[in-house]
């Protein structure tokens, strides 16, 4: 961790406080000041947030309207932080969550078959994966998606495999 600013509290104390915020409040805290914005992007903070989150697992629920299949929302259920809704609008695509691991999500594009993203909803960082090759759809694949997806993540090395 590098020293980023001269606040009233040491950066470590501010990071410890921010690491315990719900995701929605963490997003809002980034707009408080430049120091807090920089602190939330620090690699040490991201690791700290992941460590705190691991001790308090949460459940991600996707709610979709059966009449409007294109309309869905994501709800996070957390023992300490309660229930809150969040969005993946930063991907600039309509997506469906296919897999998750250690805070990362693997999402597939709804309009473009074969387009996948791995994203971190806390930092709003994402990577567009190379387009997968087309496979024939069979009755064993859910949602008409011809590719089954899994995600493995090692936060210690900041690496993931899809």
N, C-alpha and C. Protein backbone atom coordinates (compact mmCIF):
# COMPACT_ATOMS: atom_id res chain seq x y z
N UNK A 1 0.84 -1.17 0.00
CA UNK A 1 0.00 0.00 0.00
C UNK A 1 0.88 1.23 0.00
N UNK A 2 0.56 2.17 -0.88
CA UNK A 2 1.32 3.41 -0.91
C UNK A 2 0.56 4.50 -0.16
N UNK A 3 1.27 5.50 0.31
CA UNK A 3 0.66 6.63 1.00
C UNK A 3 0.06 7.55 -0.06
N UNK A 4 -1.26 7.77 0.00
CA UNK A 4 -1.93 8.53 -1.04
C UNK A 4 -2.31 9.94 -0.64
N UNK A 5 -2.51 10.22 0.62
CA UNK A 5 -2.97 11.56 0.96
C UNK A 5 -2.73 11.92 2.40
N UNK A 6 -2.97 13.19 2.73
CA UNK A 6 -2.81 13.70 4.08
C UNK A 6 -4.18 14.01 4.67
N UNK A 7 -4.91 12.97 5.02
CA UNK A 7 -6.22 13.16 5.61
C UNK A 7 -6.11 13.26 7.12
N UNK A 8 -7.24 13.39 7.79
CA UNK A 8 -7.28 13.46 9.25
C UNK A 8 -6.86 12.10 9.82
N UNK A 9 -7.33 11.03 9.18
CA UNK A 9 -6.97 9.69 9.59
C UNK A 9 -5.95 9.11 8.62
N UNK A 10 -5.12 8.19 9.10
CA UNK A 10 -4.19 7.52 8.17
C UNK A 10 -4.98 6.75 7.11
N UNK A 11 -4.38 6.60 5.93
CA UNK A 11 -5.04 5.90 4.82
C UNK A 11 -5.52 4.51 5.23
N UNK A 12 -4.73 3.82 6.05
CA UNK A 12 -5.09 2.46 6.48
C UNK A 12 -6.41 2.45 7.25
N UNK A 13 -6.64 3.45 8.10
CA UNK A 13 -7.88 3.52 8.88
C UNK A 13 -9.06 3.77 7.95
N UNK A 14 -8.89 4.69 7.01
CA UNK A 14 -9.96 4.99 6.05
C UNK A 14 -10.28 3.74 5.22
N UNK A 15 -9.24 3.02 4.79
CA UNK A 15 -9.46 1.79 4.00
C UNK A 15 -10.21 0.75 4.81
N UNK A 16 -9.87 0.61 6.10
CA UNK A 16 -10.55 -0.37 6.95
C UNK A 16 -12.04 -0.03 7.07
N UNK A 17 -12.36 1.24 7.14
CA UNK A 17 -13.76 1.67 7.23
C UNK A 17 -14.47 1.41 5.90
N UNK A 18 -13.85 1.86 4.79
CA UNK A 18 -14.47 1.70 3.47
C UNK A 18 -14.66 0.23 3.10
N UNK A 19 -13.76 -0.63 3.56
CA UNK A 19 -13.83 -2.06 3.22
C UNK A 19 -15.05 -2.74 3.85
N UNK A 20 -15.67 -2.10 4.81
CA UNK A 20 -16.83 -2.68 5.47
C UNK A 20 -18.15 -2.10 5.00
N UNK A 21 -18.09 -1.25 3.98
CA UNK A 21 -19.31 -0.66 3.44
C UNK A 21 -20.00 -1.61 2.48
N UNK A 22 -21.32 -1.52 2.36
CA UNK A 22 -22.01 -2.27 1.31
C UNK A 22 -21.55 -1.73 -0.05
N UNK A 23 -21.71 -2.54 -1.07
CA UNK A 23 -21.25 -2.17 -2.41
C UNK A 23 -21.83 -0.84 -2.85
N UNK A 24 -23.14 -0.66 -2.65
CA UNK A 24 -23.79 0.58 -3.08
C UNK A 24 -23.19 1.79 -2.37
N UNK A 25 -22.97 1.70 -1.08
CA UNK A 25 -22.37 2.81 -0.33
C UNK A 25 -20.92 3.03 -0.73
N UNK A 26 -20.22 1.95 -1.05
CA UNK A 26 -18.83 2.09 -1.52
C UNK A 26 -18.78 2.89 -2.81
N UNK A 27 -19.72 2.61 -3.74
CA UNK A 27 -19.77 3.38 -4.98
C UNK A 27 -19.99 4.85 -4.68
N UNK A 28 -20.90 5.14 -3.76
CA UNK A 28 -21.18 6.53 -3.40
C UNK A 28 -19.98 7.19 -2.73
N UNK A 29 -19.24 6.44 -1.92
CA UNK A 29 -18.11 7.02 -1.19
C UNK A 29 -17.02 7.49 -2.14
N UNK A 30 -16.95 6.92 -3.33
CA UNK A 30 -15.93 7.33 -4.30
C UNK A 30 -16.11 8.78 -4.73
N UNK A 31 -17.32 9.33 -4.56
CA UNK A 31 -17.58 10.70 -4.99
C UNK A 31 -17.36 11.72 -3.86
N UNK A 32 -17.01 11.24 -2.66
CA UNK A 32 -16.83 12.16 -1.53
C UNK A 32 -15.62 13.05 -1.74
N UNK A 33 -14.50 12.46 -2.09
CA UNK A 33 -13.28 13.25 -2.33
C UNK A 33 -12.32 12.43 -3.19
N UNK A 34 -11.32 13.11 -3.74
CA UNK A 34 -10.35 12.45 -4.61
C UNK A 34 -9.56 11.39 -3.87
N UNK A 35 -9.25 11.64 -2.60
CA UNK A 35 -8.49 10.68 -1.81
C UNK A 35 -9.26 9.36 -1.69
N UNK A 36 -10.54 9.43 -1.33
CA UNK A 36 -11.32 8.20 -1.19
C UNK A 36 -11.43 7.48 -2.52
N UNK A 37 -11.58 8.22 -3.59
CA UNK A 37 -11.64 7.60 -4.92
C UNK A 37 -10.35 6.83 -5.19
N UNK A 38 -9.21 7.46 -4.92
CA UNK A 38 -7.91 6.81 -5.16
C UNK A 38 -7.71 5.61 -4.25
N UNK A 39 -8.14 5.75 -2.98
CA UNK A 39 -7.99 4.64 -2.04
C UNK A 39 -8.75 3.41 -2.50
N UNK A 40 -9.96 3.59 -3.05
CA UNK A 40 -10.76 2.44 -3.47
C UNK A 40 -10.20 1.76 -4.71
N UNK A 41 -9.31 2.41 -5.43
CA UNK A 41 -8.68 1.80 -6.60
C UNK A 41 -7.35 1.13 -6.28
N UNK A 42 -6.85 1.35 -5.08
CA UNK A 42 -5.56 0.80 -4.65
C UNK A 42 -5.64 -0.73 -4.57
N UNK A 43 -4.60 -1.42 -5.03
CA UNK A 43 -4.58 -2.89 -5.02
C UNK A 43 -4.73 -3.44 -3.61
N UNK A 44 -4.11 -2.78 -2.65
CA UNK A 44 -4.23 -3.23 -1.26
C UNK A 44 -5.68 -3.16 -0.80
N UNK A 45 -6.38 -2.06 -1.15
CA UNK A 45 -7.78 -1.93 -0.74
C UNK A 45 -8.64 -3.02 -1.38
N UNK A 46 -8.43 -3.29 -2.65
CA UNK A 46 -9.22 -4.32 -3.34
C UNK A 46 -9.03 -5.67 -2.65
N UNK A 47 -7.78 -5.99 -2.29
CA UNK A 47 -7.51 -7.24 -1.57
C UNK A 47 -8.19 -7.23 -0.20
N UNK A 48 -8.12 -6.10 0.50
CA UNK A 48 -8.76 -5.96 1.81
C UNK A 48 -10.27 -6.13 1.69
N UNK A 49 -10.88 -5.49 0.70
CA UNK A 49 -12.32 -5.60 0.51
C UNK A 49 -12.72 -7.06 0.24
N UNK A 50 -11.92 -7.75 -0.59
CA UNK A 50 -12.19 -9.16 -0.87
C UNK A 50 -12.06 -10.01 0.39
N UNK A 51 -11.06 -9.73 1.22
CA UNK A 51 -10.87 -10.50 2.46
C UNK A 51 -12.05 -10.29 3.41
N UNK A 52 -12.49 -9.04 3.57
CA UNK A 52 -13.62 -8.75 4.44
C UNK A 52 -14.89 -9.40 3.89
N UNK A 53 -15.07 -9.34 2.57
CA UNK A 53 -16.25 -9.94 1.93
C UNK A 53 -16.28 -11.45 2.09
N UNK A 54 -15.11 -12.08 2.03
CA UNK A 54 -15.04 -13.54 2.16
C UNK A 54 -15.52 -13.99 3.53
N UNK A 55 -15.29 -13.18 4.56
CA UNK A 55 -15.74 -13.51 5.91
C UNK A 55 -17.24 -13.33 6.05
N UNK A 56 -17.84 -12.57 5.14
CA UNK A 56 -19.28 -12.32 5.17
C UNK A 56 -19.83 -12.57 3.77
N UNK A 57 -20.05 -13.84 3.41
CA UNK A 57 -20.50 -14.14 2.05
C UNK A 57 -21.87 -13.54 1.76
N UNK A 58 -22.09 -13.27 0.48
CA UNK A 58 -23.37 -12.72 0.05
C UNK A 58 -23.92 -13.55 -1.09
N UNK A 59 -25.19 -13.39 -1.33
CA UNK A 59 -25.87 -14.12 -2.40
C UNK A 59 -26.32 -13.12 -3.44
N UNK A 60 -26.05 -13.43 -4.69
CA UNK A 60 -26.47 -12.60 -5.81
C UNK A 60 -27.68 -13.26 -6.45
N UNK A 61 -28.76 -12.50 -6.57
CA UNK A 61 -30.00 -13.03 -7.14
C UNK A 61 -30.35 -12.18 -8.36
N UNK A 62 -30.62 -12.86 -9.47
CA UNK A 62 -31.06 -12.16 -10.67
C UNK A 62 -32.57 -12.34 -10.79
N UNK A 63 -33.28 -11.23 -10.83
CA UNK A 63 -34.74 -11.26 -10.92
C UNK A 63 -35.11 -10.78 -12.31
N UNK A 64 -35.84 -11.62 -13.03
CA UNK A 64 -36.27 -11.20 -14.37
C UNK A 64 -37.79 -11.30 -14.46
N UNK A 65 -38.34 -10.38 -15.21
CA UNK A 65 -39.78 -10.34 -15.44
C UNK A 65 -40.08 -11.32 -16.58
N UNK A 66 -40.88 -12.33 -16.32
CA UNK A 66 -41.16 -13.35 -17.34
C UNK A 66 -41.87 -12.76 -18.55
N UNK A 67 -42.61 -11.67 -18.36
CA UNK A 67 -43.28 -11.04 -19.50
C UNK A 67 -42.31 -10.19 -20.33
N UNK A 68 -41.36 -9.58 -19.64
CA UNK A 68 -40.36 -8.75 -20.32
C UNK A 68 -39.00 -9.39 -20.12
N UNK A 69 -38.66 -10.37 -20.93
CA UNK A 69 -37.42 -11.12 -20.73
C UNK A 69 -36.18 -10.25 -20.77
N UNK A 70 -36.25 -9.12 -21.46
CA UNK A 70 -35.08 -8.25 -21.55
C UNK A 70 -34.90 -7.42 -20.28
N UNK A 71 -35.89 -7.44 -19.39
CA UNK A 71 -35.83 -6.62 -18.18
C UNK A 71 -35.47 -7.50 -16.99
N UNK A 72 -34.29 -7.27 -16.40
CA UNK A 72 -33.91 -8.01 -15.20
C UNK A 72 -33.12 -7.09 -14.29
N UNK A 73 -33.05 -7.45 -13.02
CA UNK A 73 -32.27 -6.67 -12.07
C UNK A 73 -31.50 -7.61 -11.17
N UNK A 74 -30.43 -7.12 -10.59
CA UNK A 74 -29.61 -7.92 -9.70
C UNK A 74 -29.80 -7.42 -8.27
N UNK A 75 -30.03 -8.37 -7.37
CA UNK A 75 -30.23 -8.07 -5.96
C UNK A 75 -29.14 -8.81 -5.19
N UNK A 76 -28.55 -8.12 -4.25
CA UNK A 76 -27.53 -8.73 -3.40
C UNK A 76 -28.10 -8.88 -2.00
N UNK A 77 -27.97 -10.09 -1.44
CA UNK A 77 -28.45 -10.37 -0.09
C UNK A 77 -27.24 -10.67 0.77
N UNK A 78 -27.11 -9.91 1.85
CA UNK A 78 -25.92 -9.97 2.70
C UNK A 78 -26.38 -9.94 4.16
N UNK A 79 -25.83 -10.83 4.99
CA UNK A 79 -26.24 -10.89 6.41
C UNK A 79 -26.04 -9.58 7.15
N UNK A 80 -24.90 -8.93 6.96
CA UNK A 80 -24.61 -7.71 7.71
C UNK A 80 -25.16 -6.46 7.03
N UNK A 81 -25.14 -6.43 5.71
CA UNK A 81 -25.46 -5.21 4.98
C UNK A 81 -26.89 -5.16 4.48
N UNK A 82 -27.62 -6.24 4.56
CA UNK A 82 -29.01 -6.25 4.13
C UNK A 82 -29.17 -6.59 2.66
N UNK A 83 -30.25 -6.09 2.09
CA UNK A 83 -30.60 -6.36 0.70
C UNK A 83 -30.49 -5.06 -0.08
N UNK A 84 -29.83 -5.13 -1.23
CA UNK A 84 -29.73 -3.95 -2.07
C UNK A 84 -29.65 -4.36 -3.53
N UNK A 85 -30.05 -3.46 -4.40
CA UNK A 85 -30.03 -3.71 -5.84
C UNK A 85 -28.80 -3.04 -6.43
N UNK A 86 -28.19 -3.68 -7.43
CA UNK A 86 -27.10 -3.03 -8.13
C UNK A 86 -27.17 -3.35 -9.61
N UNK A 87 -26.37 -2.64 -10.37
CA UNK A 87 -26.47 -2.70 -11.81
C UNK A 87 -25.13 -3.03 -12.44
N UNK A 88 -25.19 -3.62 -13.62
CA UNK A 88 -23.99 -3.87 -14.42
C UNK A 88 -23.99 -2.97 -15.66
N UNK A 89 -24.63 -1.80 -15.54
CA UNK A 89 -24.73 -0.87 -16.66
C UNK A 89 -23.38 -0.41 -17.18
N UNK A 90 -22.33 -0.46 -16.35
CA UNK A 90 -21.01 -0.02 -16.78
C UNK A 90 -20.46 -0.89 -17.92
N UNK A 91 -21.07 -2.06 -18.15
CA UNK A 91 -20.64 -2.92 -19.27
C UNK A 91 -21.17 -2.41 -20.62
N UNK A 92 -22.14 -1.50 -20.58
CA UNK A 92 -22.75 -0.96 -21.80
C UNK A 92 -23.29 -2.06 -22.72
N UNK A 93 -23.88 -3.07 -22.11
CA UNK A 93 -24.44 -4.20 -22.84
C UNK A 93 -25.50 -4.84 -21.94
N UNK A 94 -26.50 -5.45 -22.54
CA UNK A 94 -27.45 -6.24 -21.76
C UNK A 94 -26.81 -7.59 -21.53
N UNK A 95 -26.64 -7.98 -20.26
CA UNK A 95 -25.91 -9.21 -19.96
C UNK A 95 -26.69 -10.08 -18.99
N UNK A 96 -26.28 -11.34 -18.96
CA UNK A 96 -26.80 -12.32 -18.00
C UNK A 96 -25.60 -12.87 -17.24
N UNK A 97 -25.70 -12.93 -15.92
CA UNK A 97 -24.60 -13.46 -15.11
C UNK A 97 -24.57 -14.98 -15.30
N UNK A 98 -23.42 -15.50 -15.68
CA UNK A 98 -23.26 -16.94 -15.93
C UNK A 98 -22.50 -17.65 -14.82
N UNK A 99 -21.55 -16.94 -14.17
CA UNK A 99 -20.75 -17.57 -13.11
C UNK A 99 -20.18 -16.47 -12.22
N UNK A 100 -19.77 -16.86 -11.01
CA UNK A 100 -19.13 -15.90 -10.10
C UNK A 100 -18.09 -16.62 -9.26
N UNK A 101 -17.09 -15.86 -8.83
CA UNK A 101 -16.04 -16.42 -7.98
C UNK A 101 -15.29 -15.26 -7.32
N UNK A 102 -15.19 -15.26 -6.00
CA UNK A 102 -14.43 -14.26 -5.25
C UNK A 102 -14.71 -12.82 -5.68
N UNK A 103 -15.96 -12.51 -5.89
CA UNK A 103 -16.33 -11.14 -6.22
C UNK A 103 -16.33 -10.81 -7.70
N UNK A 104 -15.78 -11.69 -8.54
CA UNK A 104 -15.81 -11.47 -9.98
C UNK A 104 -17.04 -12.14 -10.57
N UNK A 105 -17.57 -11.55 -11.64
CA UNK A 105 -18.71 -12.13 -12.35
C UNK A 105 -18.32 -12.40 -13.78
N UNK A 106 -18.78 -13.51 -14.31
CA UNK A 106 -18.65 -13.80 -15.73
C UNK A 106 -20.04 -13.62 -16.33
N UNK A 107 -20.16 -12.72 -17.30
CA UNK A 107 -21.45 -12.37 -17.89
C UNK A 107 -21.41 -12.63 -19.39
N UNK A 108 -22.55 -13.03 -19.92
CA UNK A 108 -22.66 -13.20 -21.36
C UNK A 108 -23.60 -12.13 -21.90
N UNK A 109 -23.30 -11.66 -23.09
CA UNK A 109 -24.14 -10.67 -23.75
C UNK A 109 -25.44 -11.34 -24.18
N UNK A 110 -26.57 -10.67 -23.95
CA UNK A 110 -27.84 -11.23 -24.37
C UNK A 110 -28.05 -11.05 -25.88
N UNK A 111 -27.77 -9.85 -26.43
CA UNK A 111 -28.00 -9.71 -27.87
C UNK A 111 -26.93 -10.36 -28.75
N UNK A 112 -25.69 -10.49 -28.25
CA UNK A 112 -24.59 -11.02 -29.06
C UNK A 112 -24.10 -12.35 -28.51
N UNK A 113 -24.53 -13.46 -29.10
CA UNK A 113 -24.10 -14.78 -28.66
C UNK A 113 -22.59 -14.91 -28.81
N UNK A 114 -21.94 -15.51 -27.83
CA UNK A 114 -20.50 -15.73 -27.89
C UNK A 114 -19.68 -14.59 -27.32
N UNK A 115 -20.31 -13.51 -26.84
CA UNK A 115 -19.60 -12.38 -26.25
C UNK A 115 -19.69 -12.50 -24.73
N UNK A 116 -18.52 -12.53 -24.07
CA UNK A 116 -18.45 -12.71 -22.62
C UNK A 116 -17.58 -11.63 -21.99
N UNK A 117 -17.93 -11.29 -20.75
CA UNK A 117 -17.17 -10.33 -19.96
C UNK A 117 -16.84 -10.97 -18.62
N UNK A 118 -15.69 -10.61 -18.06
CA UNK A 118 -15.40 -10.87 -16.66
C UNK A 118 -15.31 -9.50 -16.02
N UNK A 119 -16.08 -9.28 -14.95
CA UNK A 119 -16.10 -7.94 -14.35
C UNK A 119 -16.06 -8.01 -12.84
N UNK A 120 -15.62 -6.92 -12.26
CA UNK A 120 -15.65 -6.73 -10.82
C UNK A 120 -16.65 -5.61 -10.56
N UNK A 121 -17.84 -5.91 -10.05
CA UNK A 121 -18.84 -4.87 -9.86
C UNK A 121 -18.45 -3.82 -8.83
N UNK A 122 -17.51 -4.13 -7.92
CA UNK A 122 -17.08 -3.16 -6.91
C UNK A 122 -16.24 -2.07 -7.56
N UNK A 123 -15.27 -2.46 -8.39
CA UNK A 123 -14.37 -1.49 -9.01
C UNK A 123 -14.88 -1.04 -10.38
N UNK A 124 -15.88 -1.75 -10.91
CA UNK A 124 -16.43 -1.49 -12.24
C UNK A 124 -15.41 -1.73 -13.35
N UNK A 125 -14.42 -2.54 -13.06
CA UNK A 125 -13.45 -2.93 -14.07
C UNK A 125 -13.98 -4.16 -14.77
N UNK A 126 -13.68 -4.30 -16.06
CA UNK A 126 -14.12 -5.48 -16.79
C UNK A 126 -13.17 -5.77 -17.94
N UNK A 127 -13.22 -7.01 -18.38
CA UNK A 127 -12.46 -7.42 -19.55
C UNK A 127 -13.41 -8.12 -20.50
N UNK A 128 -13.34 -7.73 -21.75
CA UNK A 128 -14.08 -8.40 -22.81
C UNK A 128 -13.24 -9.60 -23.22
N UNK A 129 -13.82 -10.78 -23.16
CA UNK A 129 -13.09 -11.99 -23.51
C UNK A 129 -13.11 -12.21 -25.02
N UNK A 130 -12.11 -12.92 -25.54
CA UNK A 130 -12.15 -13.24 -26.98
C UNK A 130 -13.44 -13.98 -27.30
N UNK A 131 -14.03 -13.66 -28.45
CA UNK A 131 -15.31 -14.26 -28.83
C UNK A 131 -15.16 -15.77 -28.95
N UNK A 132 -16.09 -16.49 -28.33
CA UNK A 132 -16.06 -17.95 -28.39
C UNK A 132 -16.62 -18.42 -29.73
N UNK A 133 -16.19 -19.60 -30.11
CA UNK A 133 -16.69 -20.13 -31.38
C UNK A 133 -18.11 -20.67 -31.18
N UNK A 134 -18.87 -20.59 -32.21
CA UNK A 134 -20.27 -21.03 -32.16
C UNK A 134 -20.36 -22.54 -31.99
N UNK A 135 -21.28 -22.99 -31.16
CA UNK A 135 -21.55 -24.41 -30.98
C UNK A 135 -23.03 -24.64 -31.20
N UNK A 136 -23.41 -25.80 -31.68
CA UNK A 136 -24.84 -26.06 -31.88
C UNK A 136 -25.57 -26.14 -30.55
N UNK A 137 -26.76 -25.59 -30.50
CA UNK A 137 -27.58 -25.62 -29.29
C UNK A 137 -28.25 -26.99 -29.19
N UNK A 138 -28.18 -27.58 -28.00
CA UNK A 138 -28.86 -28.85 -27.75
C UNK A 138 -29.75 -28.66 -26.53
N UNK A 139 -30.52 -29.67 -26.21
CA UNK A 139 -31.45 -29.56 -25.09
C UNK A 139 -30.75 -29.50 -23.74
N UNK A 140 -29.43 -29.78 -23.68
CA UNK A 140 -28.71 -29.80 -22.42
C UNK A 140 -28.22 -28.42 -21.99
N UNK A 141 -28.29 -27.44 -22.87
CA UNK A 141 -27.76 -26.11 -22.56
C UNK A 141 -28.89 -25.19 -22.14
N UNK A 142 -28.71 -24.48 -21.02
CA UNK A 142 -29.77 -23.60 -20.53
C UNK A 142 -29.90 -22.34 -21.37
N UNK A 143 -31.10 -21.77 -21.40
CA UNK A 143 -31.37 -20.46 -22.02
C UNK A 143 -30.95 -20.38 -23.48
N UNK A 144 -30.87 -21.49 -24.17
CA UNK A 144 -30.49 -21.44 -25.57
C UNK A 144 -29.03 -21.06 -25.78
N UNK A 145 -28.25 -21.00 -24.71
CA UNK A 145 -26.82 -20.65 -24.80
C UNK A 145 -26.05 -21.93 -25.01
N UNK A 146 -25.30 -22.00 -26.09
CA UNK A 146 -24.63 -23.24 -26.45
C UNK A 146 -23.31 -23.43 -25.73
N UNK A 147 -22.97 -22.55 -24.81
CA UNK A 147 -21.71 -22.66 -24.08
C UNK A 147 -21.98 -22.65 -22.58
N UNK A 148 -21.46 -23.65 -21.88
CA UNK A 148 -21.53 -23.66 -20.43
C UNK A 148 -20.29 -22.95 -19.91
N UNK A 149 -20.45 -22.13 -18.88
CA UNK A 149 -19.37 -21.27 -18.41
C UNK A 149 -19.08 -21.53 -16.94
N UNK A 150 -17.81 -21.56 -16.59
CA UNK A 150 -17.37 -21.62 -15.21
C UNK A 150 -16.29 -20.56 -15.01
N UNK A 151 -16.11 -20.12 -13.78
CA UNK A 151 -15.13 -19.09 -13.48
C UNK A 151 -14.34 -19.50 -12.26
N UNK A 152 -13.01 -19.42 -12.34
CA UNK A 152 -12.13 -19.66 -11.20
C UNK A 152 -11.24 -18.45 -11.04
N UNK A 153 -11.05 -18.02 -9.80
CA UNK A 153 -10.30 -16.78 -9.54
C UNK A 153 -9.35 -16.99 -8.38
N UNK A 154 -8.12 -16.51 -8.54
CA UNK A 154 -7.14 -16.52 -7.46
C UNK A 154 -6.80 -15.08 -7.12
N UNK A 155 -7.45 -14.51 -6.08
CA UNK A 155 -7.24 -13.10 -5.77
C UNK A 155 -5.81 -12.78 -5.33
N UNK A 156 -5.09 -13.77 -4.80
CA UNK A 156 -3.72 -13.52 -4.36
C UNK A 156 -2.83 -13.13 -5.54
N UNK A 157 -3.07 -13.73 -6.70
CA UNK A 157 -2.28 -13.43 -7.89
C UNK A 157 -3.04 -12.57 -8.89
N UNK A 158 -4.27 -12.18 -8.55
CA UNK A 158 -5.13 -11.38 -9.42
C UNK A 158 -5.24 -12.00 -10.81
N UNK A 159 -5.53 -13.31 -10.83
CA UNK A 159 -5.68 -14.05 -12.07
C UNK A 159 -7.01 -14.77 -12.04
N UNK A 160 -7.59 -14.98 -13.24
CA UNK A 160 -8.81 -15.75 -13.32
C UNK A 160 -8.78 -16.61 -14.57
N UNK A 161 -9.57 -17.67 -14.53
CA UNK A 161 -9.74 -18.56 -15.69
C UNK A 161 -11.22 -18.76 -15.93
N UNK A 162 -11.60 -18.75 -17.21
CA UNK A 162 -12.99 -18.97 -17.59
C UNK A 162 -13.07 -20.31 -18.29
